[in-house]
């Protein structure tokens, strides 16, 4: 389903669960590497591993004259916030990251790391990104040999 319809799985409740995100990269229904969906899923995996589990959901305003523009503006704001959050983290790295977590947050954090390592997440990502698709090969050839 995720392969055929670009569902924002990373912006749903199951987007907080590493096992669900990993499933989108495996098997016959896996998303294609180097696409917008795979970028969002891999970014979300990194967010989950860093305990950034909050997802923002677009609430449609029935009175809006242009829902598509509103949705695009909403998504741009999310990306701006993520960029700011990423910059701030690396500029001012928290000393004791885990100390600020509530017990249930810490349990979820540990569980997601265990799911990633038990699924051999690094090898999975390497294999996923090394997968060849004809469309990607053709695109690369066009770029390299204009």
N, C-alpha and C. Protein backbone atom coordinates (compact mmCIF):
# COMPACT_ATOMS: atom_id res chain seq x y z
N UNK A 1 0.82 -1.19 0.00
CA UNK A 1 0.00 0.00 0.00
C UNK A 1 0.87 1.26 0.00
N UNK A 2 1.87 1.33 0.86
CA UNK A 2 2.72 2.51 0.94
C UNK A 2 3.46 2.73 -0.37
N UNK A 3 3.78 1.64 -1.05
CA UNK A 3 4.50 1.75 -2.32
C UNK A 3 3.63 2.40 -3.40
N UNK A 4 2.35 2.07 -3.41
CA UNK A 4 1.46 2.56 -4.46
C UNK A 4 0.89 3.94 -4.18
N UNK A 5 0.58 4.21 -2.94
CA UNK A 5 -0.01 5.49 -2.55
C UNK A 5 0.94 6.16 -1.57
N UNK A 6 1.43 7.37 -1.86
CA UNK A 6 2.41 8.00 -0.97
C UNK A 6 1.80 8.49 0.34
N UNK A 7 1.43 7.53 1.18
CA UNK A 7 0.86 7.82 2.49
C UNK A 7 1.96 8.38 3.38
N UNK A 8 1.61 9.39 4.17
CA UNK A 8 2.58 9.94 5.11
C UNK A 8 2.65 9.06 6.35
N UNK A 9 3.12 7.82 6.18
CA UNK A 9 3.16 6.86 7.29
C UNK A 9 3.96 7.42 8.46
N UNK A 10 4.97 8.22 8.15
CA UNK A 10 5.81 8.75 9.22
C UNK A 10 5.07 9.77 10.07
N UNK A 11 3.96 10.30 9.58
CA UNK A 11 3.17 11.28 10.34
C UNK A 11 1.90 10.66 10.91
N UNK A 12 1.97 9.37 11.22
CA UNK A 12 0.85 8.69 11.85
C UNK A 12 1.34 8.08 13.16
N UNK A 13 0.41 7.55 13.92
CA UNK A 13 0.80 6.92 15.20
C UNK A 13 1.77 5.76 14.99
N UNK A 14 1.58 4.99 13.92
CA UNK A 14 2.50 3.87 13.69
C UNK A 14 3.87 4.34 13.21
N UNK A 15 3.96 5.60 12.82
CA UNK A 15 5.25 6.18 12.45
C UNK A 15 6.17 6.37 13.63
N UNK A 16 5.67 6.12 14.83
CA UNK A 16 6.49 6.18 16.05
C UNK A 16 7.15 4.83 16.33
N UNK A 17 6.75 3.80 15.59
CA UNK A 17 7.23 2.44 15.85
C UNK A 17 8.24 2.00 14.80
N UNK A 18 9.43 1.68 15.25
CA UNK A 18 10.52 1.30 14.35
C UNK A 18 10.15 0.11 13.48
N UNK A 19 9.48 -0.89 14.07
CA UNK A 19 9.13 -2.08 13.28
C UNK A 19 8.27 -1.73 12.08
N UNK A 20 7.34 -0.81 12.25
CA UNK A 20 6.47 -0.39 11.14
C UNK A 20 7.25 0.35 10.07
N UNK A 21 8.16 1.19 10.49
CA UNK A 21 8.98 1.93 9.52
C UNK A 21 9.91 0.99 8.76
N UNK A 22 10.49 0.04 9.46
CA UNK A 22 11.39 -0.93 8.82
C UNK A 22 10.65 -1.73 7.75
N UNK A 23 9.40 -2.07 8.03
CA UNK A 23 8.61 -2.85 7.07
C UNK A 23 8.44 -2.14 5.73
N UNK A 24 8.47 -0.82 5.73
CA UNK A 24 8.30 -0.08 4.47
C UNK A 24 9.53 -0.19 3.57
N UNK A 25 10.64 -0.67 4.12
CA UNK A 25 11.89 -0.77 3.34
C UNK A 25 12.19 -2.19 2.88
N UNK A 26 11.33 -3.13 3.22
CA UNK A 26 11.59 -4.54 2.91
C UNK A 26 10.49 -5.14 2.03
N UNK A 27 10.85 -6.16 1.31
CA UNK A 27 9.88 -6.96 0.59
C UNK A 27 9.40 -6.36 -0.72
N UNK A 28 8.40 -7.04 -1.28
CA UNK A 28 7.89 -6.67 -2.60
C UNK A 28 7.19 -5.32 -2.59
N UNK A 29 6.64 -4.92 -1.45
CA UNK A 29 5.92 -3.64 -1.38
C UNK A 29 6.76 -2.52 -0.80
N UNK A 30 8.07 -2.68 -0.79
CA UNK A 30 8.94 -1.64 -0.25
C UNK A 30 8.90 -0.39 -1.11
N UNK A 31 9.07 0.75 -0.46
CA UNK A 31 9.17 2.00 -1.21
C UNK A 31 10.48 1.99 -1.99
N UNK A 32 10.56 2.80 -3.02
CA UNK A 32 11.79 2.85 -3.80
C UNK A 32 12.81 3.73 -3.11
N UNK A 33 14.08 3.30 -3.15
CA UNK A 33 15.12 4.17 -2.57
C UNK A 33 15.26 5.44 -3.40
N UNK A 34 15.75 6.48 -2.76
CA UNK A 34 16.03 7.77 -3.39
C UNK A 34 14.79 8.49 -3.88
N UNK A 35 13.66 8.22 -3.23
CA UNK A 35 12.43 8.94 -3.55
C UNK A 35 12.02 9.79 -2.36
N UNK A 36 10.99 10.60 -2.55
CA UNK A 36 10.56 11.46 -1.46
C UNK A 36 9.99 10.66 -0.29
N UNK A 37 9.29 9.55 -0.57
CA UNK A 37 8.72 8.74 0.50
C UNK A 37 9.83 8.06 1.30
N UNK A 38 10.80 7.48 0.61
CA UNK A 38 11.88 6.80 1.34
C UNK A 38 12.70 7.80 2.16
N UNK A 39 12.89 9.00 1.63
CA UNK A 39 13.60 10.03 2.40
C UNK A 39 12.86 10.34 3.69
N UNK A 40 11.54 10.50 3.58
CA UNK A 40 10.76 10.82 4.77
C UNK A 40 10.78 9.67 5.77
N UNK A 41 10.68 8.43 5.29
CA UNK A 41 10.68 7.27 6.19
C UNK A 41 12.03 7.15 6.90
N UNK A 42 13.12 7.28 6.16
CA UNK A 42 14.45 7.16 6.78
C UNK A 42 14.68 8.31 7.75
N UNK A 43 14.23 9.50 7.42
CA UNK A 43 14.34 10.63 8.34
C UNK A 43 13.54 10.37 9.61
N UNK A 44 12.38 9.78 9.45
CA UNK A 44 11.54 9.47 10.62
C UNK A 44 12.21 8.40 11.48
N UNK A 45 12.86 7.43 10.85
CA UNK A 45 13.58 6.42 11.61
C UNK A 45 14.65 7.09 12.48
N UNK A 46 15.35 8.04 11.90
CA UNK A 46 16.37 8.76 12.67
C UNK A 46 15.72 9.55 13.80
N UNK A 47 14.57 10.16 13.53
CA UNK A 47 13.87 10.89 14.58
C UNK A 47 13.46 9.97 15.72
N UNK A 48 12.95 8.80 15.39
CA UNK A 48 12.53 7.85 16.43
C UNK A 48 13.73 7.43 17.27
N UNK A 49 14.86 7.21 16.61
CA UNK A 49 16.06 6.82 17.35
C UNK A 49 16.58 7.96 18.24
N UNK A 50 16.18 9.19 17.93
CA UNK A 50 16.58 10.34 18.75
C UNK A 50 15.45 10.80 19.67
N UNK A 51 14.39 9.98 19.77
CA UNK A 51 13.24 10.24 20.64
C UNK A 51 12.46 11.48 20.22
N UNK A 52 12.38 11.72 18.95
CA UNK A 52 11.54 12.80 18.42
C UNK A 52 10.29 12.16 17.84
N UNK A 53 9.40 11.77 18.73
CA UNK A 53 8.24 10.96 18.34
C UNK A 53 6.98 11.75 18.06
N UNK A 54 7.00 13.03 18.30
CA UNK A 54 5.79 13.82 18.08
C UNK A 54 5.54 13.98 16.58
N UNK A 55 4.31 13.75 16.18
CA UNK A 55 3.97 13.99 14.78
C UNK A 55 2.88 15.04 14.72
N UNK A 56 2.97 15.88 13.72
CA UNK A 56 1.97 16.92 13.53
C UNK A 56 1.00 16.46 12.46
N UNK A 57 -0.26 16.61 12.73
CA UNK A 57 -1.30 16.16 11.81
C UNK A 57 -2.01 17.39 11.24
N UNK A 58 -2.16 17.40 9.94
CA UNK A 58 -2.85 18.50 9.26
C UNK A 58 -4.35 18.39 9.53
N UNK A 59 -4.92 19.46 10.02
CA UNK A 59 -6.37 19.50 10.26
C UNK A 59 -6.98 20.35 9.17
N UNK A 60 -7.82 19.73 8.39
CA UNK A 60 -8.41 20.41 7.25
C UNK A 60 -9.43 21.45 7.71
N UNK A 61 -9.29 22.63 7.19
CA UNK A 61 -10.22 23.72 7.47
C UNK A 61 -11.25 23.76 6.35
N UNK A 62 -12.45 23.41 6.69
CA UNK A 62 -13.51 23.34 5.66
C UNK A 62 -13.78 24.69 5.01
N UNK A 63 -13.45 25.76 5.71
CA UNK A 63 -13.68 27.10 5.16
C UNK A 63 -12.53 27.59 4.28
N UNK A 64 -11.46 26.82 4.24
CA UNK A 64 -10.30 27.23 3.46
C UNK A 64 -10.65 27.26 1.97
N UNK A 65 -10.12 28.26 1.31
CA UNK A 65 -10.38 28.38 -0.14
C UNK A 65 -9.45 27.49 -0.94
N UNK A 66 -8.27 27.22 -0.41
CA UNK A 66 -7.31 26.41 -1.15
C UNK A 66 -6.60 25.44 -0.20
N UNK A 67 -7.18 24.28 -0.04
CA UNK A 67 -6.67 23.28 0.89
C UNK A 67 -5.27 22.81 0.46
N UNK A 68 -5.04 22.70 -0.83
CA UNK A 68 -3.73 22.24 -1.31
C UNK A 68 -2.63 23.21 -0.89
N UNK A 69 -2.88 24.52 -1.05
CA UNK A 69 -1.88 25.51 -0.62
C UNK A 69 -1.68 25.46 0.89
N UNK A 70 -2.78 25.29 1.64
CA UNK A 70 -2.68 25.19 3.09
C UNK A 70 -1.85 23.97 3.50
N UNK A 71 -2.09 22.85 2.83
CA UNK A 71 -1.34 21.64 3.13
C UNK A 71 0.14 21.79 2.79
N UNK A 72 0.43 22.44 1.66
CA UNK A 72 1.83 22.68 1.29
C UNK A 72 2.51 23.59 2.30
N UNK A 73 1.82 24.62 2.75
CA UNK A 73 2.37 25.53 3.76
C UNK A 73 2.60 24.79 5.07
N UNK A 74 1.66 23.93 5.45
CA UNK A 74 1.79 23.12 6.65
C UNK A 74 3.03 22.23 6.58
N UNK A 75 3.21 21.56 5.43
CA UNK A 75 4.36 20.67 5.27
C UNK A 75 5.67 21.44 5.27
N UNK A 76 5.70 22.61 4.63
CA UNK A 76 6.91 23.44 4.64
C UNK A 76 7.27 23.86 6.05
N UNK A 77 6.27 24.20 6.86
CA UNK A 77 6.53 24.57 8.25
C UNK A 77 7.11 23.40 9.04
N UNK A 78 6.63 22.21 8.76
CA UNK A 78 7.18 21.02 9.43
C UNK A 78 8.65 20.87 9.08
N UNK A 79 8.99 21.00 7.80
CA UNK A 79 10.39 20.85 7.38
C UNK A 79 11.27 21.95 7.97
N UNK A 80 10.75 23.18 8.04
CA UNK A 80 11.51 24.27 8.66
C UNK A 80 11.78 23.96 10.13
N UNK A 81 10.75 23.47 10.82
CA UNK A 81 10.91 23.12 12.24
C UNK A 81 11.93 22.00 12.41
N UNK A 82 11.86 20.98 11.56
CA UNK A 82 12.81 19.87 11.65
C UNK A 82 14.23 20.34 11.41
N UNK A 83 14.40 21.21 10.43
CA UNK A 83 15.73 21.75 10.12
C UNK A 83 16.27 22.53 11.31
N UNK A 84 15.42 23.38 11.89
CA UNK A 84 15.83 24.16 13.05
C UNK A 84 16.19 23.23 14.22
N UNK A 85 15.37 22.24 14.45
CA UNK A 85 15.59 21.28 15.53
C UNK A 85 16.91 20.53 15.33
N UNK A 86 17.18 20.14 14.10
CA UNK A 86 18.43 19.42 13.80
C UNK A 86 19.64 20.32 14.03
N UNK A 87 19.57 21.55 13.54
CA UNK A 87 20.67 22.50 13.75
C UNK A 87 20.93 22.75 15.22
N UNK A 88 19.86 22.98 15.96
CA UNK A 88 20.01 23.26 17.39
C UNK A 88 20.61 22.08 18.14
N UNK A 89 20.22 20.87 17.77
CA UNK A 89 20.75 19.70 18.47
C UNK A 89 22.26 19.61 18.33
N UNK A 90 22.77 19.77 17.12
CA UNK A 90 24.20 19.60 16.89
C UNK A 90 25.02 20.79 17.36
N UNK A 91 24.42 21.95 17.43
CA UNK A 91 25.13 23.13 17.94
C UNK A 91 25.22 23.08 19.45
N UNK A 92 24.14 22.66 20.10
CA UNK A 92 24.08 22.63 21.56
C UNK A 92 23.62 21.25 22.01
N UNK A 93 24.49 20.25 21.88
CA UNK A 93 24.15 18.87 22.20
C UNK A 93 23.86 18.76 23.70
N UNK A 94 22.69 18.18 24.05
CA UNK A 94 22.38 18.02 25.47
C UNK A 94 23.39 17.09 26.13
N UNK A 95 23.80 17.44 27.35
CA UNK A 95 24.81 16.64 28.05
C UNK A 95 24.29 15.26 28.42
N UNK A 96 23.14 15.21 29.02
CA UNK A 96 22.60 13.94 29.48
C UNK A 96 21.19 13.78 28.90
N UNK A 97 21.15 13.38 27.66
CA UNK A 97 19.92 13.30 26.89
C UNK A 97 18.85 12.46 27.58
N UNK A 98 19.21 11.32 28.09
CA UNK A 98 18.23 10.40 28.66
C UNK A 98 17.70 10.84 30.02
N UNK A 99 18.41 11.72 30.70
CA UNK A 99 17.98 12.16 32.03
C UNK A 99 16.65 12.90 31.99
N UNK A 100 16.34 13.54 30.91
CA UNK A 100 15.13 14.34 30.82
C UNK A 100 13.89 13.55 30.45
N UNK A 101 14.02 12.25 30.24
CA UNK A 101 12.88 11.45 29.80
C UNK A 101 12.09 10.89 30.98
N UNK A 102 10.78 10.85 30.82
CA UNK A 102 9.91 10.18 31.79
C UNK A 102 10.13 8.67 31.66
N UNK A 103 9.82 7.89 32.70
CA UNK A 103 10.04 6.43 32.62
C UNK A 103 9.39 5.77 31.40
N UNK A 104 8.15 6.13 31.06
CA UNK A 104 7.50 5.52 29.90
C UNK A 104 8.17 5.95 28.59
N UNK A 105 8.66 7.20 28.54
CA UNK A 105 9.39 7.67 27.36
C UNK A 105 10.71 6.92 27.21
N UNK A 106 11.38 6.70 28.32
CA UNK A 106 12.65 5.96 28.29
C UNK A 106 12.42 4.52 27.83
N UNK A 107 11.36 3.89 28.32
CA UNK A 107 11.03 2.51 27.90
C UNK A 107 10.79 2.46 26.40
N UNK A 108 10.03 3.42 25.87
CA UNK A 108 9.74 3.46 24.44
C UNK A 108 11.02 3.70 23.64
N UNK A 109 11.85 4.60 24.12
CA UNK A 109 13.13 4.91 23.48
C UNK A 109 14.01 3.66 23.38
N UNK A 110 14.13 2.94 24.49
CA UNK A 110 14.96 1.72 24.53
C UNK A 110 14.36 0.66 23.61
N UNK A 111 13.04 0.51 23.63
CA UNK A 111 12.37 -0.48 22.78
C UNK A 111 12.63 -0.21 21.30
N UNK A 112 12.58 1.07 20.89
CA UNK A 112 12.79 1.40 19.48
C UNK A 112 14.24 1.11 19.06
N UNK A 113 15.18 1.37 19.94
CA UNK A 113 16.58 1.04 19.64
C UNK A 113 16.78 -0.47 19.56
N UNK A 114 16.13 -1.21 20.43
CA UNK A 114 16.22 -2.67 20.37
C UNK A 114 15.61 -3.19 19.08
N UNK A 115 14.47 -2.65 18.68
CA UNK A 115 13.84 -3.08 17.42
C UNK A 115 14.74 -2.80 16.23
N UNK A 116 15.39 -1.65 16.24
CA UNK A 116 16.29 -1.29 15.14
C UNK A 116 17.48 -2.24 15.08
N UNK A 117 18.10 -2.50 16.22
CA UNK A 117 19.29 -3.36 16.23
C UNK A 117 18.93 -4.82 15.98
N UNK A 118 17.79 -5.29 16.52
CA UNK A 118 17.38 -6.67 16.29
C UNK A 118 16.99 -6.90 14.84
N UNK A 119 16.55 -5.87 14.16
CA UNK A 119 16.21 -5.97 12.73
C UNK A 119 17.43 -5.77 11.85
N UNK A 120 18.59 -5.62 12.48
CA UNK A 120 19.83 -5.35 11.75
C UNK A 120 19.64 -4.12 10.87
N UNK A 121 19.18 -3.04 11.53
CA UNK A 121 18.79 -1.82 10.85
C UNK A 121 19.84 -1.19 9.98
N UNK A 122 21.09 -1.20 10.43
CA UNK A 122 22.16 -0.57 9.62
C UNK A 122 22.36 -1.35 8.33
N UNK A 123 22.42 -2.67 8.42
CA UNK A 123 22.58 -3.50 7.22
C UNK A 123 21.36 -3.35 6.31
N UNK A 124 20.18 -3.29 6.89
CA UNK A 124 18.97 -3.11 6.10
C UNK A 124 19.01 -1.80 5.32
N UNK A 125 19.39 -0.72 5.97
CA UNK A 125 19.49 0.57 5.29
C UNK A 125 20.54 0.54 4.18
N UNK A 126 21.66 -0.08 4.48
CA UNK A 126 22.72 -0.19 3.45
C UNK A 126 22.21 -0.96 2.23
N UNK A 127 21.56 -2.07 2.47
CA UNK A 127 21.05 -2.89 1.37
C UNK A 127 19.96 -2.11 0.61
N UNK A 128 19.07 -1.46 1.35
CA UNK A 128 17.99 -0.70 0.73
C UNK A 128 18.54 0.39 -0.18
N UNK A 129 19.52 1.13 0.30
CA UNK A 129 20.07 2.24 -0.48
C UNK A 129 20.95 1.76 -1.64
N UNK A 130 21.42 0.52 -1.56
CA UNK A 130 22.24 -0.03 -2.64
C UNK A 130 21.40 -0.75 -3.69
N UNK A 131 20.11 -0.90 -3.43
CA UNK A 131 19.23 -1.61 -4.36
C UNK A 131 19.14 -0.84 -5.67
N UNK A 132 19.23 -1.59 -6.75
CA UNK A 132 19.16 -0.96 -8.07
C UNK A 132 17.75 -1.10 -8.64
N UNK A 133 17.26 -0.02 -9.14
CA UNK A 133 16.00 0.01 -9.87
C UNK A 133 16.31 0.58 -11.24
N UNK A 134 15.67 0.04 -12.25
CA UNK A 134 15.93 0.51 -13.62
C UNK A 134 15.72 2.01 -13.75
N UNK A 135 14.65 2.52 -13.15
CA UNK A 135 14.36 3.95 -13.27
C UNK A 135 15.49 4.78 -12.67
N UNK A 136 16.04 4.33 -11.54
CA UNK A 136 17.15 5.06 -10.92
C UNK A 136 18.39 4.98 -11.80
N UNK A 137 18.67 3.81 -12.35
CA UNK A 137 19.84 3.65 -13.23
C UNK A 137 19.72 4.55 -14.45
N UNK A 138 18.52 4.61 -15.04
CA UNK A 138 18.32 5.46 -16.22
C UNK A 138 18.50 6.93 -15.86
N UNK A 139 17.97 7.32 -14.71
CA UNK A 139 18.11 8.71 -14.27
C UNK A 139 19.58 9.06 -14.07
N UNK A 140 20.34 8.18 -13.44
CA UNK A 140 21.76 8.41 -13.20
C UNK A 140 22.52 8.50 -14.52
N UNK A 141 22.19 7.62 -15.47
CA UNK A 141 22.83 7.67 -16.78
C UNK A 141 22.58 9.00 -17.49
N UNK A 142 21.34 9.49 -17.42
CA UNK A 142 21.01 10.77 -18.05
C UNK A 142 21.79 11.92 -17.42
N UNK A 143 21.95 11.85 -16.10
CA UNK A 143 22.67 12.91 -15.41
C UNK A 143 24.16 12.86 -15.76
N UNK A 144 24.71 11.65 -15.83
CA UNK A 144 26.15 11.47 -16.09
C UNK A 144 26.51 11.64 -17.56
N UNK A 145 25.61 11.20 -18.45
CA UNK A 145 25.86 11.29 -19.89
C UNK A 145 24.76 12.11 -20.56
N UNK A 146 24.85 13.43 -20.48
CA UNK A 146 23.76 14.26 -21.06
C UNK A 146 23.70 14.18 -22.56
